[in-house]
Amino acid sequence: MVYDVIIWNIPDIVRSRYLFLRRLRDRSEEEGLTDLIFCVVMLGQSGRAGPWFASFEDLIDNDRMVQWSGMVFHGNRLEFKANRRARQAWFNVEARWNRPQREPEQKPDQERNQKQILERW
């Protein structure tokens, strides 16, 4: 089962996140799929968009989304890849690009473990 969909090759244009999310939502409504959860990971300090994650509330719908490989956005044929490793990968990618973790109220030993993970990358 697909937990998330990773979209790698979105063109770097002004307001692309808003436009792309709107395009994905329109497409999902046409196909009668559930609500879309969307996240963008920024690349380091440059502030440029990195991998994009998308997921439907109903995980079965994600399998259908992976098959949207013919979808084009601003002249680029989009590359959808399945992520089958449950939501851990969101945090792994953020750690790789030195982004702060999003978990509230971390205990001291959790913070120490996260620092060690970041140092390995």
N, C-alpha and C. Protein backbone atom coordinates (compact mmCIF):
# COMPACT_ATOMS: atom_id res chain seq x y z
N MET A 1 0.84 -1.19 0.00
CA MET A 1 0.00 0.00 0.00
C MET A 1 0.89 1.25 0.00
N VAL A 2 0.51 2.25 -0.74
CA VAL A 2 1.26 3.49 -0.83
C VAL A 2 0.84 4.42 0.30
N TYR A 3 1.81 4.92 1.07
CA TYR A 3 1.50 5.83 2.17
C TYR A 3 1.57 7.29 1.74
N ASP A 4 2.50 7.60 0.86
CA ASP A 4 2.65 8.96 0.35
C ASP A 4 3.06 8.86 -1.11
N VAL A 5 2.93 9.94 -1.83
CA VAL A 5 3.42 10.01 -3.19
C VAL A 5 4.45 11.13 -3.22
N ILE A 6 5.61 10.85 -3.80
CA ILE A 6 6.67 11.85 -3.88
C ILE A 6 6.72 12.34 -5.33
N ILE A 7 6.66 13.65 -5.52
CA ILE A 7 6.71 14.24 -6.85
C ILE A 7 8.04 15.00 -6.93
N TRP A 8 8.92 14.57 -7.82
CA TRP A 8 10.30 15.07 -7.81
C TRP A 8 10.55 16.23 -8.75
N ASN A 9 9.92 16.29 -9.88
CA ASN A 9 10.37 17.23 -10.91
C ASN A 9 9.38 18.36 -11.19
N ILE A 10 8.96 19.05 -10.16
CA ILE A 10 8.07 20.20 -10.34
C ILE A 10 8.91 21.40 -10.75
N PRO A 11 8.55 22.12 -11.80
CA PRO A 11 9.36 23.27 -12.23
C PRO A 11 9.41 24.36 -11.16
N ASP A 12 10.53 25.03 -11.08
CA ASP A 12 10.75 26.08 -10.09
C ASP A 12 10.26 27.41 -10.66
N ILE A 13 8.97 27.70 -10.47
CA ILE A 13 8.40 28.94 -10.97
C ILE A 13 7.71 29.67 -9.82
N VAL A 14 7.44 30.93 -10.00
CA VAL A 14 6.78 31.72 -8.97
C VAL A 14 5.38 31.16 -8.71
N ARG A 15 5.05 31.03 -7.43
CA ARG A 15 3.74 30.55 -6.99
C ARG A 15 3.44 29.13 -7.45
N SER A 16 4.46 28.35 -7.76
CA SER A 16 4.20 27.00 -8.27
C SER A 16 3.52 26.11 -7.24
N ARG A 17 3.82 26.31 -5.94
CA ARG A 17 3.20 25.47 -4.92
C ARG A 17 1.68 25.64 -4.93
N TYR A 18 1.22 26.89 -4.95
CA TYR A 18 -0.22 27.17 -4.96
C TYR A 18 -0.87 26.61 -6.23
N LEU A 19 -0.25 26.89 -7.37
CA LEU A 19 -0.83 26.44 -8.64
C LEU A 19 -0.86 24.92 -8.74
N PHE A 20 0.23 24.30 -8.30
CA PHE A 20 0.31 22.84 -8.40
C PHE A 20 -0.70 22.16 -7.47
N LEU A 21 -0.81 22.68 -6.26
CA LEU A 21 -1.77 22.10 -5.31
C LEU A 21 -3.20 22.23 -5.85
N ARG A 22 -3.50 23.38 -6.43
CA ARG A 22 -4.83 23.57 -7.02
C ARG A 22 -5.08 22.58 -8.16
N ARG A 23 -4.06 22.36 -8.99
CA ARG A 23 -4.18 21.41 -10.10
C ARG A 23 -4.40 19.98 -9.58
N LEU A 24 -3.65 19.61 -8.54
CA LEU A 24 -3.83 18.27 -7.96
C LEU A 24 -5.22 18.10 -7.36
N ARG A 25 -5.69 19.14 -6.66
CA ARG A 25 -7.03 19.05 -6.04
C ARG A 25 -8.12 18.94 -7.11
N ASP A 26 -7.99 19.72 -8.18
CA ASP A 26 -8.97 19.63 -9.27
C ASP A 26 -8.99 18.22 -9.84
N ARG A 27 -7.80 17.67 -10.07
CA ARG A 27 -7.71 16.33 -10.65
C ARG A 27 -8.32 15.30 -9.70
N SER A 28 -8.06 15.44 -8.40
CA SER A 28 -8.60 14.46 -7.46
C SER A 28 -10.12 14.56 -7.36
N GLU A 29 -10.66 15.78 -7.46
CA GLU A 29 -12.12 15.95 -7.44
C GLU A 29 -12.75 15.31 -8.66
N GLU A 30 -12.10 15.46 -9.83
CA GLU A 30 -12.62 14.86 -11.06
C GLU A 30 -12.73 13.35 -10.91
N GLU A 31 -11.77 12.75 -10.22
CA GLU A 31 -11.75 11.30 -10.08
C GLU A 31 -12.48 10.81 -8.83
N GLY A 32 -13.06 11.74 -8.05
CA GLY A 32 -13.83 11.37 -6.87
C GLY A 32 -12.99 10.84 -5.72
N LEU A 33 -11.76 11.34 -5.58
CA LEU A 33 -10.87 10.87 -4.51
C LEU A 33 -11.06 11.71 -3.26
N THR A 34 -10.48 11.26 -2.14
CA THR A 34 -10.63 11.96 -0.86
C THR A 34 -9.78 13.22 -0.83
N ASP A 35 -9.85 13.94 0.29
CA ASP A 35 -9.09 15.19 0.44
C ASP A 35 -7.59 14.94 0.38
N LEU A 36 -6.89 15.90 -0.17
CA LEU A 36 -5.45 15.79 -0.42
C LEU A 36 -4.66 16.46 0.69
N ILE A 37 -3.63 15.79 1.18
CA ILE A 37 -2.69 16.36 2.14
C ILE A 37 -1.41 16.63 1.35
N PHE A 38 -0.83 17.80 1.51
CA PHE A 38 0.26 18.21 0.64
C PHE A 38 1.36 18.85 1.46
N CYS A 39 2.61 18.61 1.11
CA CYS A 39 3.74 19.17 1.84
C CYS A 39 4.88 19.41 0.87
N VAL A 40 5.61 20.49 1.04
CA VAL A 40 6.81 20.74 0.24
C VAL A 40 8.00 20.80 1.18
N VAL A 41 9.10 20.21 0.77
CA VAL A 41 10.33 20.26 1.55
C VAL A 41 11.29 21.19 0.82
N MET A 42 11.79 22.20 1.51
CA MET A 42 12.68 23.17 0.90
C MET A 42 14.12 22.66 0.94
N LEU A 43 14.92 23.02 -0.04
CA LEU A 43 16.31 22.59 -0.11
C LEU A 43 17.20 23.55 0.67
N GLY A 44 17.71 23.08 1.80
CA GLY A 44 18.71 23.81 2.57
C GLY A 44 18.40 25.28 2.78
N GLN A 45 19.43 26.12 2.66
CA GLN A 45 19.27 27.54 2.92
C GLN A 45 18.92 28.32 1.67
N SER A 46 18.93 27.67 0.53
CA SER A 46 18.61 28.37 -0.71
C SER A 46 17.12 28.72 -0.78
N GLY A 47 16.29 27.98 -0.05
CA GLY A 47 14.85 28.24 -0.07
C GLY A 47 14.17 27.71 -1.31
N ARG A 48 14.90 26.95 -2.13
CA ARG A 48 14.29 26.39 -3.34
C ARG A 48 13.49 25.14 -2.98
N ALA A 49 12.47 24.88 -3.75
CA ALA A 49 11.61 23.73 -3.47
C ALA A 49 12.35 22.43 -3.77
N GLY A 50 12.22 21.48 -2.87
CA GLY A 50 12.82 20.16 -3.06
C GLY A 50 11.73 19.15 -3.38
N PRO A 51 11.82 17.95 -2.81
CA PRO A 51 10.79 16.95 -3.06
C PRO A 51 9.43 17.43 -2.54
N TRP A 52 8.39 17.06 -3.23
CA TRP A 52 7.03 17.41 -2.83
C TRP A 52 6.32 16.12 -2.44
N PHE A 53 5.59 16.17 -1.35
CA PHE A 53 4.86 15.00 -0.88
C PHE A 53 3.37 15.26 -1.01
N ALA A 54 2.65 14.25 -1.40
CA ALA A 54 1.19 14.36 -1.44
C ALA A 54 0.62 13.06 -0.90
N SER A 55 -0.51 13.15 -0.28
CA SER A 55 -1.16 11.97 0.27
C SER A 55 -2.65 12.24 0.38
N PHE A 56 -3.44 11.23 0.11
CA PHE A 56 -4.88 11.34 0.32
C PHE A 56 -5.22 10.82 1.70
N GLU A 57 -6.32 11.30 2.26
CA GLU A 57 -6.75 10.82 3.58
C GLU A 57 -7.03 9.32 3.54
N ASP A 58 -7.59 8.84 2.47
CA ASP A 58 -7.82 7.40 2.29
C ASP A 58 -6.62 6.84 1.53
N LEU A 59 -5.80 6.03 2.20
CA LEU A 59 -4.54 5.57 1.61
C LEU A 59 -4.72 4.78 0.33
N ILE A 60 -5.86 4.14 0.15
CA ILE A 60 -6.10 3.38 -1.08
C ILE A 60 -6.08 4.31 -2.29
N ASP A 61 -6.50 5.56 -2.11
CA ASP A 61 -6.51 6.52 -3.22
C ASP A 61 -5.10 6.84 -3.71
N ASN A 62 -4.09 6.70 -2.85
CA ASN A 62 -2.72 7.00 -3.26
C ASN A 62 -2.25 6.09 -4.38
N ASP A 63 -2.71 4.83 -4.39
CA ASP A 63 -2.34 3.92 -5.47
C ASP A 63 -2.81 4.46 -6.81
N ARG A 64 -3.98 5.08 -6.84
CA ARG A 64 -4.48 5.65 -8.10
C ARG A 64 -3.67 6.87 -8.51
N MET A 65 -3.24 7.65 -7.52
CA MET A 65 -2.50 8.87 -7.82
C MET A 65 -1.15 8.56 -8.48
N VAL A 66 -0.50 7.48 -8.08
CA VAL A 66 0.79 7.10 -8.66
C VAL A 66 0.66 6.90 -10.16
N GLN A 67 -0.51 6.53 -10.62
CA GLN A 67 -0.72 6.26 -12.04
C GLN A 67 -1.00 7.52 -12.85
N TRP A 68 -0.87 8.70 -12.25
CA TRP A 68 -1.08 9.95 -12.97
C TRP A 68 0.17 10.37 -13.73
N SER A 69 0.99 9.44 -14.14
CA SER A 69 2.29 9.77 -14.74
C SER A 69 2.16 10.60 -16.02
N GLY A 70 0.98 10.63 -16.64
CA GLY A 70 0.81 11.43 -17.83
C GLY A 70 0.50 12.89 -17.54
N MET A 71 0.39 13.26 -16.26
CA MET A 71 0.03 14.63 -15.89
C MET A 71 1.18 15.58 -16.22
N VAL A 72 0.83 16.72 -16.82
CA VAL A 72 1.83 17.72 -17.21
C VAL A 72 1.56 19.01 -16.44
N PHE A 73 2.64 19.65 -15.96
CA PHE A 73 2.52 20.92 -15.24
C PHE A 73 3.57 21.87 -15.79
N HIS A 74 3.14 22.97 -16.39
CA HIS A 74 4.02 23.95 -17.03
C HIS A 74 4.99 23.29 -18.00
N GLY A 75 4.46 22.41 -18.84
CA GLY A 75 5.27 21.79 -19.88
C GLY A 75 6.13 20.63 -19.43
N ASN A 76 6.15 20.31 -18.15
CA ASN A 76 6.95 19.18 -17.65
C ASN A 76 6.04 18.00 -17.34
N ARG A 77 6.41 16.83 -17.84
CA ARG A 77 5.68 15.61 -17.48
C ARG A 77 6.12 15.24 -16.07
N LEU A 78 5.18 15.16 -15.15
CA LEU A 78 5.50 14.97 -13.74
C LEU A 78 5.89 13.53 -13.43
N GLU A 79 6.78 13.39 -12.46
CA GLU A 79 7.28 12.08 -12.05
C GLU A 79 6.74 11.76 -10.66
N PHE A 80 5.79 10.85 -10.60
CA PHE A 80 5.19 10.44 -9.33
C PHE A 80 5.84 9.14 -8.88
N LYS A 81 6.31 9.10 -7.64
CA LYS A 81 6.90 7.87 -7.10
C LYS A 81 6.17 7.49 -5.82
N ALA A 82 5.99 6.20 -5.63
CA ALA A 82 5.30 5.71 -4.44
C ALA A 82 6.26 5.63 -3.27
N ASN A 83 5.80 6.04 -2.11
CA ASN A 83 6.55 5.89 -0.87
C ASN A 83 5.78 4.91 -0.01
N ARG A 84 6.34 3.73 0.20
CA ARG A 84 5.64 2.69 0.94
C ARG A 84 6.20 2.50 2.35
N ARG A 85 6.94 3.47 2.86
CA ARG A 85 7.58 3.29 4.16
C ARG A 85 6.91 4.10 5.26
N ALA A 86 5.63 4.22 5.23
CA ALA A 86 4.87 4.98 6.24
C ALA A 86 5.49 6.34 6.47
N ARG A 87 4.98 7.19 7.20
CA ARG A 87 5.34 8.59 7.20
C ARG A 87 6.72 8.92 7.75
N GLN A 88 7.53 7.94 8.09
CA GLN A 88 8.88 8.23 8.58
C GLN A 88 9.67 9.03 7.56
N ALA A 89 9.48 8.77 6.31
CA ALA A 89 10.30 9.40 5.27
C ALA A 89 10.17 10.91 5.27
N TRP A 90 9.03 11.46 5.68
CA TRP A 90 8.88 12.92 5.73
C TRP A 90 9.95 13.50 6.64
N PHE A 91 10.11 12.89 7.82
CA PHE A 91 11.08 13.42 8.78
C PHE A 91 12.50 13.13 8.32
N ASN A 92 12.74 12.00 7.67
CA ASN A 92 14.08 11.69 7.18
C ASN A 92 14.53 12.70 6.14
N VAL A 93 13.65 13.07 5.23
CA VAL A 93 14.01 14.04 4.20
C VAL A 93 14.27 15.40 4.83
N GLU A 94 13.44 15.80 5.79
CA GLU A 94 13.66 17.09 6.46
C GLU A 94 15.00 17.09 7.18
N ALA A 95 15.35 15.98 7.81
CA ALA A 95 16.64 15.91 8.50
C ALA A 95 17.79 15.99 7.50
N ARG A 96 17.62 15.34 6.37
CA ARG A 96 18.68 15.36 5.36
C ARG A 96 18.96 16.78 4.87
N TRP A 97 17.91 17.58 4.73
CA TRP A 97 18.09 18.95 4.24
C TRP A 97 18.21 19.95 5.39
N ASN A 98 18.53 19.44 6.59
CA ASN A 98 18.76 20.28 7.77
C ASN A 98 17.57 21.16 8.12
N ARG A 99 16.40 20.61 7.95
CA ARG A 99 15.18 21.33 8.34
C ARG A 99 14.85 20.97 9.78
N PRO A 100 14.24 21.88 10.55
CA PRO A 100 13.86 21.54 11.92
C PRO A 100 12.75 20.48 11.92
N GLN A 101 12.77 19.63 12.91
CA GLN A 101 11.73 18.62 13.04
C GLN A 101 10.44 19.28 13.50
N ARG A 102 9.32 18.68 13.19
CA ARG A 102 8.02 19.30 13.48
C ARG A 102 7.31 18.70 14.68
N GLU A 103 7.95 17.84 15.44
CA GLU A 103 7.25 17.21 16.55
C GLU A 103 7.29 18.13 17.76
N PRO A 104 6.14 18.44 18.36
CA PRO A 104 6.11 19.34 19.52
C PRO A 104 6.61 18.67 20.80
N GLU A 105 7.11 19.47 21.72
CA GLU A 105 7.50 19.03 23.06
C GLU A 105 8.36 17.77 23.05
N GLN A 106 9.53 17.87 22.48
CA GLN A 106 10.42 16.72 22.46
C GLN A 106 11.15 16.59 23.79
N LYS A 107 11.34 15.37 24.22
CA LYS A 107 12.08 15.10 25.45
C LYS A 107 13.58 15.25 25.17
N PRO A 108 14.38 15.51 26.21
CA PRO A 108 15.83 15.70 26.01
C PRO A 108 16.52 14.56 25.27
N ASP A 109 16.17 13.30 25.57
CA ASP A 109 16.83 12.20 24.87
C ASP A 109 16.40 12.12 23.41
N GLN A 110 15.18 12.54 23.07
CA GLN A 110 14.75 12.59 21.68
C GLN A 110 15.54 13.65 20.93
N GLU A 111 15.76 14.81 21.56
CA GLU A 111 16.54 15.87 20.91
C GLU A 111 17.96 15.40 20.65
N ARG A 112 18.56 14.69 21.60
CA ARG A 112 19.92 14.20 21.44
C ARG A 112 19.98 13.21 20.27
N ASN A 113 19.00 12.31 20.17
CA ASN A 113 18.96 11.34 19.07
C ASN A 113 18.82 12.04 17.73
N GLN A 114 18.01 13.09 17.66
CA GLN A 114 17.84 13.80 16.40
C GLN A 114 19.12 14.51 15.99
N LYS A 115 19.84 15.08 16.95
CA LYS A 115 21.11 15.73 16.63
C LYS A 115 22.10 14.72 16.08
N GLN A 116 22.11 13.52 16.63
CA GLN A 116 23.01 12.49 16.13
C GLN A 116 22.64 12.09 14.71
N ILE A 117 21.36 12.00 14.42
CA ILE A 117 20.91 11.67 13.06
C ILE A 117 21.35 12.75 12.09
N LEU A 118 21.18 14.02 12.46
CA LEU A 118 21.57 15.12 11.59
C LEU A 118 23.08 15.13 11.35
N GLU A 119 23.86 14.80 12.37
CA GLU A 119 25.31 14.80 12.22
C GLU A 119 25.77 13.72 11.25
N ARG A 120 25.06 12.60 11.19
CA ARG A 120 25.42 11.52 10.26
C ARG A 120 25.27 11.96 8.81
N TRP A 121 24.27 12.79 8.53
CA TRP A 121 24.04 13.24 7.16
C TRP A 121 25.07 14.25 6.79
